């Protein structure tokens, strides 16, 4: 099983205080961390690797210093990390980011799942995974609280989505893009 995890470096909003200029922090001048939602995706990928074998590849679009976020993911147990960094791709436009990710994934070769956090704490739109799935022409399931089963032989999975009014069980085919929540 090959799982690709979209990993973004974001401002460390926990460092916001009276002594830190919030605008400077959000503009990239302050401390940076792995997007907390992406940490859940990395952990989910590692659990899948432990259950099914295979590998976990982290994929990020960002500035060169985003390598620090990838190092964190490698320390958590990912096998490989790829950083797409170029002055022409600042990562501010979700569709352009999705296009760069799609091209990068095509170069990685076959994959079973692409995981991401539900959104990033600096943008919060959650659009990139949806756009990526559309570009790759694969199913996308959002707000996944639990992967109930993954059947590699039949190329299917079952998941539980966390909704505002409750939970929803869904099933789909692999490969797919899944965005996860804290649970």
Protein backbone atom coordinates (compact mmCIF):
# COMPACT_ATOMS: atom_id res chain seq x y z
CA UNK A 1 0.00 0.00 0.00
CA UNK A 2 1.35 3.41 -0.96
CA UNK A 3 -0.15 6.36 0.91
CA UNK A 4 0.70 9.95 -0.04
CA UNK A 5 0.09 12.59 2.63
CA UNK A 6 -0.31 16.26 1.73
CA UNK A 7 1.70 18.14 4.33
CA UNK A 8 1.71 21.90 4.79
CA UNK A 9 3.84 24.15 6.97
CA UNK A 10 1.77 26.84 8.68
CA UNK A 11 2.28 29.62 11.25
CA UNK A 12 2.35 28.40 14.84
CA UNK A 13 -0.79 30.20 16.00
CA UNK A 14 -0.17 29.00 19.57
CA UNK A 15 2.71 31.48 19.62
CA UNK A 16 0.35 34.43 19.16
CA UNK A 17 0.65 36.72 22.14
CA UNK A 18 1.07 40.35 23.00
CA UNK A 19 4.80 40.09 22.30
CA UNK A 20 4.38 38.62 18.81
CA UNK A 21 3.13 40.66 15.88
CA UNK A 22 0.21 38.54 14.58
CA UNK A 23 0.39 40.01 11.05
CA UNK A 24 4.10 39.21 10.84
CA UNK A 25 3.43 35.68 12.04
CA UNK A 26 0.75 35.09 9.43
CA UNK A 27 2.97 36.60 6.71
CA UNK A 28 5.63 34.01 7.42
CA UNK A 29 7.95 35.82 9.77
CA UNK A 30 7.20 33.83 12.90
CA UNK A 31 7.60 30.23 14.03
CA UNK A 32 6.16 27.55 11.72
CA UNK A 33 4.81 24.04 12.37
CA UNK A 34 3.17 21.15 10.54
CA UNK A 35 -0.47 21.98 9.95
CA UNK A 36 -2.17 20.24 12.92
CA UNK A 37 -4.86 18.70 10.68
CA UNK A 38 -2.11 17.22 8.50
CA UNK A 39 -0.56 15.59 11.56
CA UNK A 40 -3.78 13.56 11.88
CA UNK A 41 -3.41 12.55 8.22
CA UNK A 42 0.22 11.51 8.78
CA UNK A 43 -0.77 9.41 11.79
CA UNK A 44 -3.60 7.77 9.80
CA UNK A 45 -1.16 6.94 7.01
CA UNK A 46 1.31 5.38 9.44
CA UNK A 47 -1.48 3.26 10.95
CA UNK A 48 -2.43 2.08 7.45
CA UNK A 49 1.20 1.19 6.72
CA UNK A 50 1.40 -0.80 9.95
CA UNK A 51 -1.83 -2.66 9.13
CA UNK A 52 -1.24 -3.29 5.42
CA UNK A 53 2.49 -2.82 4.81
CA UNK A 54 3.76 -0.47 2.14
CA UNK A 55 5.05 3.07 2.43
CA UNK A 56 4.10 6.64 3.30
CA UNK A 57 5.26 9.56 1.18
CA UNK A 58 4.84 13.13 2.42
CA UNK A 59 4.26 15.75 -0.27
CA UNK A 60 4.42 19.49 0.28
CA UNK A 61 4.29 22.66 -1.81
CA UNK A 62 6.00 25.54 -0.08
CA UNK A 63 9.05 27.60 0.63
CA UNK A 64 12.39 25.85 1.25
CA UNK A 65 11.92 26.12 5.01
CA UNK A 66 8.88 23.81 4.69
CA UNK A 67 11.45 21.01 4.80
CA UNK A 68 11.18 21.33 8.59
CA UNK A 69 7.52 20.24 8.46
CA UNK A 70 8.54 17.26 6.34
CA UNK A 71 11.25 16.33 8.85
CA UNK A 72 8.58 16.24 11.54
CA UNK A 73 6.50 13.85 9.43
CA UNK A 74 9.53 11.64 8.78
CA UNK A 75 10.19 11.53 12.52
CA UNK A 76 6.58 10.41 13.03
CA UNK A 77 7.24 7.40 10.77
CA UNK A 78 6.79 8.43 7.14
CA UNK A 79 9.22 6.77 4.71
CA UNK A 80 9.87 9.54 2.20
CA UNK A 81 9.26 13.27 1.75
CA UNK A 82 9.05 15.47 -1.33
CA UNK A 83 9.05 19.27 -1.27
CA UNK A 84 7.97 21.19 -4.35
CA UNK A 85 9.51 24.62 -3.87
CA UNK A 86 9.74 27.38 -6.44
CA UNK A 87 9.32 31.15 -6.27
CA UNK A 88 6.63 30.82 -8.95
CA UNK A 89 4.48 28.60 -6.74
CA UNK A 90 3.83 30.40 -3.50
CA UNK A 91 1.00 28.09 -2.41
CA UNK A 92 -1.47 30.93 -1.95
CA UNK A 93 -3.86 29.76 -4.69
CA UNK A 94 -5.54 26.44 -3.89
CA UNK A 95 -6.13 25.44 -7.52
CA UNK A 96 -2.54 26.16 -8.52
CA UNK A 97 -1.36 24.21 -5.49
CA UNK A 98 -3.62 21.30 -6.51
CA UNK A 99 -2.16 21.41 -10.04
CA UNK A 100 1.40 21.25 -8.70
CA UNK A 101 0.44 18.41 -6.37
CA UNK A 102 -1.23 16.49 -9.22
CA UNK A 103 1.90 16.80 -11.37
CA UNK A 104 4.06 15.69 -8.45
CA UNK A 105 1.85 12.69 -7.72
CA UNK A 106 2.01 11.66 -11.37
CA UNK A 107 5.80 11.54 -11.02
CA UNK A 108 5.57 9.47 -7.82
CA UNK A 109 3.78 6.67 -9.66
CA UNK A 110 1.07 4.42 -8.30
CA UNK A 111 -0.64 5.18 -5.01
CA UNK A 112 -3.61 3.79 -3.13
CA UNK A 113 -4.64 6.77 -1.02
CA UNK A 114 -3.87 10.46 -0.79
CA UNK A 115 -4.56 11.80 2.69
CA UNK A 116 -4.78 15.36 3.93
CA UNK A 117 -6.06 17.19 6.94
CA UNK A 118 -9.56 18.64 6.61
CA UNK A 119 -8.10 22.11 6.02
CA UNK A 120 -5.11 24.27 6.90
CA UNK A 121 -5.16 26.59 9.89
CA UNK A 122 -3.84 29.48 7.82
CA UNK A 123 -6.32 29.30 4.94
CA UNK A 124 -9.06 27.05 6.20
CA UNK A 125 -10.82 26.47 2.89
CA UNK A 126 -10.25 22.71 2.57
CA UNK A 127 -10.44 23.19 -1.21
CA UNK A 128 -7.08 21.73 -2.26
CA UNK A 129 -7.94 18.03 -1.65
CA UNK A 130 -11.24 18.42 -3.53
CA UNK A 131 -9.50 20.12 -6.45
CA UNK A 132 -6.72 17.53 -6.44
CA UNK A 133 -9.23 14.67 -6.61
CA UNK A 134 -10.96 16.35 -9.54
CA UNK A 135 -7.64 16.82 -11.38
CA UNK A 136 -6.67 13.19 -10.76
CA UNK A 137 -10.19 11.95 -11.58
CA UNK A 138 -10.45 9.90 -8.37
CA UNK A 139 -13.09 9.85 -5.60
CA UNK A 140 -12.78 12.30 -2.73
CA UNK A 141 -14.21 11.81 0.74
CA UNK A 142 -13.99 14.61 3.28
CA UNK A 143 -14.29 14.84 7.07
CA UNK A 144 -13.28 11.22 7.59
CA UNK A 145 -13.25 10.33 11.27
CA UNK A 146 -12.53 6.63 10.75
CA UNK A 147 -11.36 4.33 7.99
CA UNK A 148 -13.48 1.28 8.81
CA UNK A 149 -11.82 -0.97 6.26
CA UNK A 150 -9.42 -0.91 3.36
CA UNK A 151 -9.56 -3.80 0.90
CA UNK A 152 -6.49 -3.62 -1.32
CA UNK A 153 -7.44 -6.73 -3.31
CA UNK A 154 -10.82 -5.32 -4.36
CA UNK A 155 -9.54 -1.72 -4.34
CA UNK A 156 -12.25 -0.39 -2.03
CA UNK A 157 -12.54 1.28 1.36
CA UNK A 158 -15.21 2.10 3.88
CA UNK A 159 -15.13 5.23 6.01
CA UNK A 160 -17.14 7.09 8.61
CA UNK A 161 -17.57 10.80 7.94
CA UNK A 162 -18.12 13.27 10.77
CA UNK A 163 -21.03 15.55 9.90
CA UNK A 164 -22.57 18.44 11.77
CA UNK A 165 -25.66 16.41 12.63
CA UNK A 166 -24.02 13.02 13.16
CA UNK A 167 -22.03 10.46 11.23
CA UNK A 168 -22.28 8.95 7.77
CA UNK A 169 -20.86 5.63 6.56
CA UNK A 170 -19.57 5.66 2.99
CA UNK A 171 -17.71 3.30 0.71
CA UNK A 172 -15.71 4.04 -2.39
CA UNK A 173 -13.03 2.73 -4.69
CA UNK A 174 -9.28 3.14 -4.56
CA UNK A 175 -7.30 5.17 -5.38
CA UNK A 176 -8.95 8.10 -3.64
CA UNK A 177 -8.29 11.38 -1.85
CA UNK A 178 -9.41 11.50 1.78
CA UNK A 179 -9.36 14.45 4.15
CA UNK A 180 -9.38 13.49 7.81
CA UNK A 181 -10.54 15.07 11.04
CA UNK A 182 -9.11 14.76 14.54
CA UNK A 183 -10.93 11.56 15.48
